[in-house]
Protein backbone atom coordinates (compact mmCIF):
# COMPACT_ATOMS: atom_id res chain seq x y z
CA THR A 1 31.12 -0.22 -66.55
CA ASP A 2 33.53 -2.59 -64.80
CA ALA A 3 32.74 -5.91 -66.53
CA ILE A 4 33.80 -8.06 -63.57
CA ALA A 5 31.71 -6.08 -61.07
CA LEU A 6 28.74 -6.21 -63.45
CA VAL A 7 28.94 -10.00 -63.86
CA GLU A 8 29.27 -10.48 -60.08
CA GLU A 9 26.12 -8.35 -59.71
CA ILE A 10 24.31 -10.48 -62.30
CA GLN A 11 25.48 -13.68 -60.57
CA LYS A 12 23.74 -12.68 -57.34
CA GLY A 13 20.34 -12.79 -59.00
CA GLU A 14 20.96 -15.43 -61.64
CA PRO A 15 21.73 -18.95 -60.35
CA LEU A 16 22.44 -20.22 -63.87
CA ILE A 17 25.66 -18.20 -64.01
CA THR A 18 27.87 -20.51 -61.99
CA ALA A 19 31.55 -20.02 -61.17
CA SER A 20 32.56 -22.19 -64.13
CA CYS A 21 30.99 -19.90 -66.71
CA LYS A 22 31.79 -16.59 -65.03
CA GLU A 23 34.90 -15.99 -67.17
CA HIS A 24 32.95 -16.60 -70.35
CA VAL A 25 30.24 -14.12 -69.36
CA ILE A 26 32.89 -11.49 -68.52
CA HIS A 27 34.39 -12.11 -71.97
CA LEU A 28 30.97 -11.61 -73.60
CA VAL A 29 30.30 -8.39 -71.68
CA ARG A 30 33.69 -7.03 -72.78
CA ARG A 31 32.98 -7.96 -76.39
CA LEU A 32 29.67 -6.13 -76.16
CA GLN A 33 31.45 -3.07 -74.74
CA GLU A 34 33.94 -3.14 -77.63
CA LYS A 35 31.11 -3.41 -80.13
CA LEU A 36 29.28 -0.45 -78.61
CA GLY A 37 32.49 1.57 -78.55
CA GLU A 38 33.40 1.04 -82.20
CA LYS A 39 33.42 4.22 -84.24
CA GLU A 40 30.97 3.96 -87.05
CA ASP A 41 31.18 5.81 -90.33
CA HIS A 42 29.47 3.27 -92.55
CA LYS A 43 28.20 4.89 -95.72
CA PHE A 44 25.36 3.13 -97.49
CA TYR A 45 25.38 2.64 -101.24
CA LEU A 46 22.55 1.43 -103.44
CA PHE A 47 23.10 -2.27 -104.08
CA LYS A 48 19.98 -3.25 -105.96
CA VAL A 49 16.58 -1.99 -107.08
CA LEU A 50 13.92 -4.69 -106.95
CA ARG A 51 10.89 -4.18 -109.14
CA ALA A 52 9.16 -6.29 -106.59
CA HIS A 53 5.49 -6.33 -107.53
CA ILE A 54 3.16 -5.31 -110.33
CA LEU A 55 1.06 -3.31 -107.87
CA PRO A 56 2.14 -1.08 -104.95
CA LEU A 57 3.95 -2.48 -101.93
CA THR A 58 2.32 -2.40 -98.51
CA ASN A 59 5.18 -3.44 -96.26
CA VAL A 60 8.75 -4.74 -95.99
CA ALA A 61 10.39 -6.74 -93.17
CA PHE A 62 13.74 -8.41 -92.44
CA ASN A 63 14.40 -11.69 -90.68
CA LYS A 64 16.66 -11.23 -87.66
CA SER A 65 20.03 -11.78 -89.32
CA GLY A 66 18.98 -9.79 -92.38
CA SER A 67 19.72 -12.67 -94.79
CA ARG A 68 16.14 -12.58 -96.08
CA PHE A 69 13.41 -10.02 -96.33
CA ILE A 70 9.78 -10.04 -97.40
CA THR A 71 7.53 -7.65 -99.29
CA GLY A 72 3.73 -7.50 -99.17
CA SER A 73 1.68 -6.01 -101.96
CA TYR A 74 -1.67 -4.98 -103.38
CA ASP A 75 -1.06 -7.75 -105.95
CA ARG A 76 -2.26 -10.23 -103.25
CA THR A 77 1.15 -11.86 -102.78
CA CYS A 78 4.10 -11.77 -100.41
CA LYS A 79 7.57 -12.32 -101.87
CA VAL A 80 10.65 -13.68 -100.10
CA TRP A 81 14.02 -12.22 -101.16
CA ASP A 82 17.66 -13.11 -100.61
CA THR A 83 19.35 -9.96 -99.30
CA ALA A 84 22.90 -10.80 -100.44
CA SER A 85 21.98 -11.41 -104.07
CA GLY A 86 18.69 -9.54 -104.41
CA GLU A 87 17.16 -12.69 -105.91
CA GLU A 88 13.51 -13.58 -105.41
CA LEU A 89 13.35 -16.90 -103.52
CA CYS A 90 9.60 -17.53 -103.64
CA THR A 91 6.17 -15.98 -103.97
CA LEU A 92 3.54 -16.71 -101.33
CA GLU A 93 0.29 -16.91 -103.26
CA GLY A 94 -3.21 -17.68 -102.02
CA HIS A 95 -4.72 -14.55 -100.51
CA GLY A 96 -7.85 -13.22 -102.21
CA ASN A 97 -7.03 -9.56 -101.58
CA VAL A 98 -4.29 -7.09 -100.61
CA VAL A 99 -1.51 -8.57 -98.41
CA TYR A 100 -1.17 -5.76 -95.88
CA ALA A 101 0.63 -7.01 -92.76
CA ILE A 102 3.71 -9.27 -92.89
CA ALA A 103 6.17 -10.64 -90.33
CA PHE A 104 8.90 -13.21 -89.75
CA ASN A 105 8.84 -15.23 -86.53
CA ASN A 106 12.11 -13.67 -85.40
CA PRO A 107 14.60 -14.65 -84.08
CA TYR A 108 14.02 -17.99 -85.83
CA GLY A 109 12.92 -16.75 -89.23
CA ASP A 110 11.62 -20.11 -90.46
CA LYS A 111 7.99 -18.95 -90.65
CA ILE A 112 6.17 -15.99 -92.15
CA ALA A 113 2.73 -14.64 -91.29
CA THR A 114 0.68 -12.59 -93.75
CA GLY A 115 -2.47 -10.64 -92.95
CA SER A 116 -4.82 -9.65 -95.73
CA PHE A 117 -7.84 -7.56 -96.65
CA ASP A 118 -9.46 -10.95 -97.42
CA LYS A 119 -10.04 -11.16 -93.59
CA THR A 120 -7.57 -14.06 -93.14
CA CYS A 121 -4.05 -14.56 -91.86
CA LYS A 122 -1.83 -17.23 -93.39
CA LEU A 123 1.20 -18.99 -91.94
CA TRP A 124 3.97 -20.06 -94.36
CA SER A 125 7.28 -21.91 -94.44
CA THR A 126 10.13 -19.51 -95.29
CA GLU A 127 12.12 -22.30 -96.95
CA THR A 128 9.49 -23.93 -99.16
CA GLY A 129 6.78 -21.27 -99.42
CA GLN A 130 4.23 -23.89 -98.35
CA CYS A 131 1.14 -22.57 -96.54
CA TYR A 132 0.78 -24.33 -93.16
CA HIS A 133 -2.48 -22.74 -92.00
CA THR A 134 -5.13 -20.21 -93.00
CA PHE A 135 -6.56 -18.52 -89.93
CA ARG A 136 -10.19 -17.60 -90.54
CA GLY A 137 -12.49 -15.80 -88.09
CA HIS A 138 -12.15 -12.04 -88.52
CA SER A 139 -15.14 -10.37 -90.13
CA ALA A 140 -13.11 -7.52 -91.71
CA GLU A 141 -9.62 -6.77 -93.02
CA VAL A 142 -6.56 -7.96 -91.04
CA VAL A 143 -4.29 -4.91 -90.82
CA CYS A 144 -1.65 -5.78 -88.21
CA LEU A 145 -0.05 -8.93 -86.87
CA SER A 146 2.81 -10.16 -84.75
CA PHE A 147 4.43 -13.39 -83.59
CA ASN A 148 5.07 -13.80 -79.88
CA PRO A 149 8.81 -14.02 -79.02
CA GLN A 150 8.53 -17.78 -78.38
CA SER A 151 7.06 -18.31 -81.86
CA THR A 152 4.11 -20.32 -80.54
CA LEU A 153 1.39 -17.73 -81.26
CA VAL A 154 0.37 -15.22 -83.89
CA ALA A 155 -1.72 -12.20 -82.91
CA THR A 156 -3.85 -10.44 -85.51
CA GLY A 157 -5.65 -7.10 -85.37
CA SER A 158 -8.56 -6.25 -87.59
CA MET A 159 -10.91 -3.55 -88.81
CA ASP A 160 -13.65 -5.62 -87.10
CA THR A 161 -12.51 -4.03 -83.74
CA THR A 162 -11.07 -7.30 -82.36
CA ALA A 163 -7.70 -8.94 -82.04
CA LYS A 164 -7.24 -12.70 -82.09
CA LEU A 165 -4.58 -15.10 -80.82
CA TRP A 166 -3.82 -18.19 -82.92
CA ASP A 167 -1.90 -21.36 -82.06
CA ILE A 168 0.87 -21.90 -84.64
CA GLU A 169 1.16 -25.67 -84.13
CA LYS A 170 -2.52 -26.51 -84.12
CA GLY A 171 -3.62 -23.81 -86.53
CA LYS A 172 -6.53 -22.95 -84.22
CA GLU A 173 -7.88 -19.76 -82.67
CA ILE A 174 -7.05 -19.51 -78.97
CA ALA A 175 -8.80 -16.28 -78.03
CA THR A 176 -10.76 -13.35 -79.38
CA LEU A 177 -9.91 -10.11 -77.61
CA SER A 178 -12.95 -7.84 -77.66
CA GLY A 179 -13.12 -4.48 -75.95
CA HIS A 180 -12.29 -1.83 -78.53
CA SER A 181 -15.10 0.15 -80.13
CA ALA A 182 -13.21 0.85 -83.37
CA GLU A 183 -10.60 -0.68 -85.68
CA VAL A 184 -7.48 -2.31 -84.16
CA ILE A 185 -4.55 -1.04 -86.22
CA ALA A 186 -1.48 -1.69 -84.04
CA LEU A 187 -0.37 -4.52 -81.81
CA SER A 188 2.81 -5.79 -80.21
CA PHE A 189 3.99 -8.35 -77.66
CA ASN A 190 6.37 -7.54 -74.84
CA SER A 191 9.73 -9.36 -74.88
CA ALA A 192 8.63 -11.75 -72.12
CA GLY A 193 5.68 -12.81 -74.28
CA ASP A 194 3.17 -12.69 -71.40
CA ARG A 195 1.50 -9.40 -72.37
CA PHE A 196 0.47 -7.73 -75.53
CA ILE A 197 -1.04 -4.41 -76.51
CA THR A 198 -3.57 -3.32 -79.11
CA GLY A 199 -3.93 0.24 -80.37
CA SER A 200 -7.23 1.36 -81.84
CA PHE A 201 -8.98 4.14 -83.71
CA ASP A 202 -11.14 4.46 -80.55
CA HIS A 203 -8.21 6.54 -79.09
CA THR A 204 -7.22 3.84 -76.57
CA VAL A 205 -4.59 1.14 -76.12
CA ALA A 206 -5.52 -2.08 -74.33
CA VAL A 207 -3.06 -4.29 -72.42
CA TRP A 208 -3.91 -8.01 -72.50
CA ASP A 209 -2.75 -11.07 -70.59
CA VAL A 210 -1.61 -13.59 -73.20
CA GLY A 211 -2.29 -16.63 -71.03
CA THR A 212 -5.90 -15.83 -70.18
CA GLY A 213 -6.88 -13.41 -72.97
CA ARG A 214 -8.08 -11.00 -70.27
CA MET A 215 -7.81 -7.22 -70.61
CA LEU A 216 -5.55 -6.00 -67.80
CA ASN A 217 -5.51 -2.26 -68.45
CA ILE A 218 -6.92 0.28 -70.85
CA LEU A 219 -4.72 3.30 -71.55
CA ILE A 220 -7.01 6.30 -71.86
CA GLY A 221 -5.72 9.79 -72.57
CA HIS A 222 -5.18 10.30 -76.28
CA ARG A 223 -7.64 12.54 -78.11
CA GLY A 224 -7.21 11.00 -81.53
CA GLU A 225 -6.76 7.66 -83.25
CA ILE A 226 -3.76 5.59 -82.14
CA SER A 227 -1.14 5.14 -84.87
CA CYS A 228 1.33 2.87 -83.07
CA ALA A 229 2.14 1.32 -79.68
CA GLN A 230 5.23 -0.48 -78.43
CA PHE A 231 6.75 -1.97 -75.25
CA SER A 232 10.25 -1.11 -74.10
CA TRP A 233 12.68 -4.04 -74.13
CA ASP A 234 12.52 -4.62 -70.35
CA CYS A 235 8.68 -4.60 -70.51
CA SER A 236 8.41 -1.71 -68.03
CA LEU A 237 7.15 1.03 -70.37
CA ILE A 238 4.70 1.43 -73.23
CA VAL A 239 4.93 4.24 -75.76
CA THR A 240 1.95 5.26 -77.88
CA GLY A 241 1.66 7.61 -80.86
CA SER A 242 -1.56 9.28 -81.94
CA MET A 243 -3.27 11.45 -84.51
CA ASP A 244 -3.68 13.97 -81.67
CA LYS A 245 -0.05 15.09 -82.41
CA THR A 246 1.37 13.60 -79.20
CA CYS A 247 3.16 10.55 -77.88
CA MET A 248 2.49 9.19 -74.43
CA LEU A 249 4.57 7.08 -72.06
CA TRP A 250 2.80 4.63 -69.75
CA ASN A 251 3.76 2.29 -66.93
CA ALA A 252 3.32 -1.14 -68.55
CA VAL A 253 2.50 -2.87 -65.25
CA THR A 254 -0.05 -0.48 -63.76
CA GLY A 255 -1.24 1.22 -66.95
CA THR A 256 -0.72 4.67 -65.43
CA HIS A 257 0.14 7.64 -67.63
CA ILE A 258 3.72 8.81 -67.05
CA ALA A 259 4.27 11.60 -69.56
CA THR A 260 3.03 13.26 -72.74
CA LEU A 261 5.73 13.98 -75.31
CA THR A 262 4.73 17.08 -77.27
CA GLY A 263 6.28 19.23 -79.95
CA HIS A 264 4.79 17.99 -83.20
CA SER A 265 2.29 20.18 -85.05
CA ASP A 266 0.61 17.32 -86.90
CA GLU A 267 -0.27 13.63 -86.48
CA VAL A 268 2.34 11.30 -85.00
CA LEU A 269 2.53 8.47 -87.53
CA ASP A 270 5.19 6.26 -85.95
CA VAL A 271 7.04 5.90 -82.68
CA CYS A 272 9.66 3.49 -81.39
CA PHE A 273 12.01 2.75 -78.50
CA ASP A 274 15.68 2.07 -79.04
CA TYR A 275 16.71 -1.48 -78.14
CA ALA A 276 17.71 -0.45 -74.61
CA GLY A 277 14.43 1.37 -73.96
CA GLN A 278 16.31 4.56 -73.08
CA ARG A 279 15.15 6.74 -75.95
CA VAL A 280 11.99 7.27 -77.95
CA ALA A 281 11.92 8.47 -81.56
CA THR A 282 8.80 9.92 -83.18
CA ALA A 283 7.81 10.46 -86.82
CA SER A 284 5.16 12.98 -87.78
CA ALA A 285 3.08 14.22 -90.67
CA ASP A 286 4.29 17.76 -89.87
CA GLY A 287 7.41 17.20 -91.99
CA LYS A 288 9.40 19.14 -89.38
CA GLY A 289 11.42 16.10 -88.66
CA THR A 290 11.79 13.37 -86.16
CA ARG A 291 12.18 14.02 -82.46
CA VAL A 292 14.19 11.96 -80.01
CA TYR A 293 13.24 11.93 -76.32
CA ASN A 294 15.01 10.56 -73.28
CA ALA A 295 12.59 8.00 -71.82
CA GLU A 296 13.74 8.73 -68.27
CA THR A 297 13.81 12.54 -68.24
CA LYS A 298 11.03 12.82 -70.91
CA LYS A 299 13.03 15.69 -72.48
CA CYS A 300 13.47 16.17 -76.22
CA ILE A 301 17.19 15.52 -76.79
CA ALA A 302 17.40 15.89 -80.58
CA LYS A 303 15.42 17.22 -83.53
CA LEU A 304 16.17 15.55 -86.83
CA GLU A 305 15.23 18.19 -89.38
CA GLY A 306 15.57 18.06 -93.15
CA HIS A 307 12.80 16.01 -94.74
CA GLY A 308 10.52 17.90 -97.11
CA GLY A 309 7.38 15.89 -96.42
CA GLU A 310 5.58 13.77 -93.86
CA ILE A 311 7.64 11.07 -92.15
CA SER A 312 5.75 7.80 -91.93
CA LYS A 313 8.38 5.48 -90.44
CA VAL A 314 11.20 5.75 -87.93
CA CYS A 315 13.54 3.11 -86.49
CA PHE A 316 16.79 2.81 -84.55
CA ASN A 317 19.61 0.53 -85.60
CA PRO A 318 20.18 -2.19 -82.97
CA LYS A 319 23.16 -0.30 -81.56
CA GLY A 320 21.02 2.79 -81.05
CA ASN A 321 23.47 5.32 -82.51
CA ARG A 322 21.68 5.70 -85.85
CA ILE A 323 18.08 6.49 -86.78
CA LEU A 324 16.45 5.77 -90.11
CA THR A 325 13.40 7.66 -91.40
CA ALA A 326 11.16 7.24 -94.45
CA SER A 327 9.31 10.16 -95.99
CA SER A 328 6.82 11.23 -98.62
CA ASP A 329 9.60 13.47 -100.05
CA LYS A 330 10.78 10.27 -101.87
CA THR A 331 13.85 9.80 -99.65
CA ALA A 332 14.96 7.90 -96.59
CA ARG A 333 17.48 9.54 -94.28
CA LEU A 334 20.11 8.28 -91.88
CA TRP A 335 20.74 10.34 -88.74
CA ASP A 336 23.20 10.45 -85.87
CA THR A 337 21.12 9.83 -82.73
CA ALA A 338 23.34 11.86 -80.40
CA THR A 339 23.71 15.03 -82.50
CA GLY A 340 20.61 14.87 -84.69
CA HIS A 341 22.75 15.47 -87.77
CA CYS A 342 21.68 14.00 -91.08
CA LEU A 343 24.49 11.63 -92.14
CA GLN A 344 23.06 10.49 -95.43
CA ILE A 345 20.11 10.92 -97.78
CA LEU A 346 19.06 7.71 -99.54
CA GLU A 347 17.75 9.06 -102.83
CA GLY A 348 16.44 7.51 -106.01
CA HIS A 349 12.87 6.43 -105.35
CA SER A 350 10.37 8.20 -107.62
CA ASP A 351 7.52 8.23 -105.11
CA GLU A 352 6.84 8.27 -101.37
CA VAL A 353 9.09 6.01 -99.23
CA PHE A 354 6.76 4.49 -96.65
CA SER A 355 8.86 1.71 -95.15
CA CYS A 356 12.46 1.26 -94.07
CA ALA A 357 14.35 -1.23 -91.93
CA PHE A 358 17.83 -2.13 -90.68
CA ASN A 359 19.13 -5.66 -90.51
CA TYR A 360 20.31 -6.75 -87.06
CA LYS A 361 23.95 -5.90 -87.72
CA GLY A 362 22.96 -2.44 -88.87
CA ASP A 363 24.95 -2.56 -92.12
CA ILE A 364 22.09 -3.18 -94.57
CA ILE A 365 18.96 -1.09 -95.12
CA ILE A 366 15.85 -1.80 -97.15
CA THR A 367 13.46 0.90 -98.30
CA GLY A 368 10.00 0.35 -99.77
CA SER A 369 8.27 2.93 -101.92
CA LYS A 370 4.99 3.68 -103.61
CA ASP A 371 6.98 3.54 -106.88
CA ASN A 372 6.51 -0.27 -106.58
CA THR A 373 10.20 -0.88 -105.92
CA CYS A 374 12.29 -1.97 -103.01
CA ARG A 375 15.90 -0.83 -102.67
CA ILE A 376 18.69 -2.65 -100.86
CA TRP A 377 21.46 -0.41 -99.48
CA HIS A 378 24.80 -1.85 -98.27
């Protein structure tokens, strides 16, 4: 793309980009182009094995820069780790049961939310480990949660069939979102923060207005429990994965079904968009590998084959040219998005790898396993 022409196009619709800052924006666009054009042959090496918890891990998550990450566990705690040194910074203690869902309030990273089987969600300071609030109100386990992009709200989803919105400052419940007839096991905000979606075992995904707590659309079409649901970055599309072996694409504004992405012979356990919203990657229990689809043409553009067991997690690096998968075959794998070739097998765990994540720069990976350890790869 011609950077100058692009910035002039942006200027037409964006009054904040005045003549005085035009040069700077052109410079930034060119830097982005350089970054995207860089050849990448980064090989990851095991940096550290963290014997993180005395009981199995449930989840791992990075802050945006990747300087810290957190682990949740059956031991009822969440631990905060320094990525560079592998040192434990603090333990967040106070839940009365399994800590299942964990998240940083990215991009800020100064707060952590934990959702537990004790039916509560807690909000913590990343720096001090102090608990700011305990959100009580669900009548069953909290199994998914998310901060809104503005970091003013936390949403929680529960086995009690509801989702709730909580005010971070006041520590109060803002809304209870009722409408599902079975457990809510997936939720996510769009990047504008004005909508969010809940996926349920009742086979549907609901789209909610954050401001009013009203249900705007219900996405009906799957024939099995929903496993995951996500917005594309520009908020125009929603992708859903289901136990019915398919993924579906939906118009996020109207709620209409756009396409069904087929090809897996078993449950779809995870699905995600790349950061540009141009591609969709799916992970399945069929062990046949991950599939990558073009979100516009709906065609399968790559099959990532090689794992020897079910694949429970898939994610793109922020640049979109690499895909990371976690599998019950005790490995994580790194793939080239364009060719589908396996670039690297991250081996060493002695049990199922159920979680994996890139830092924002894409040069650090964490993997979490049922062997009770976390591994940092540089």
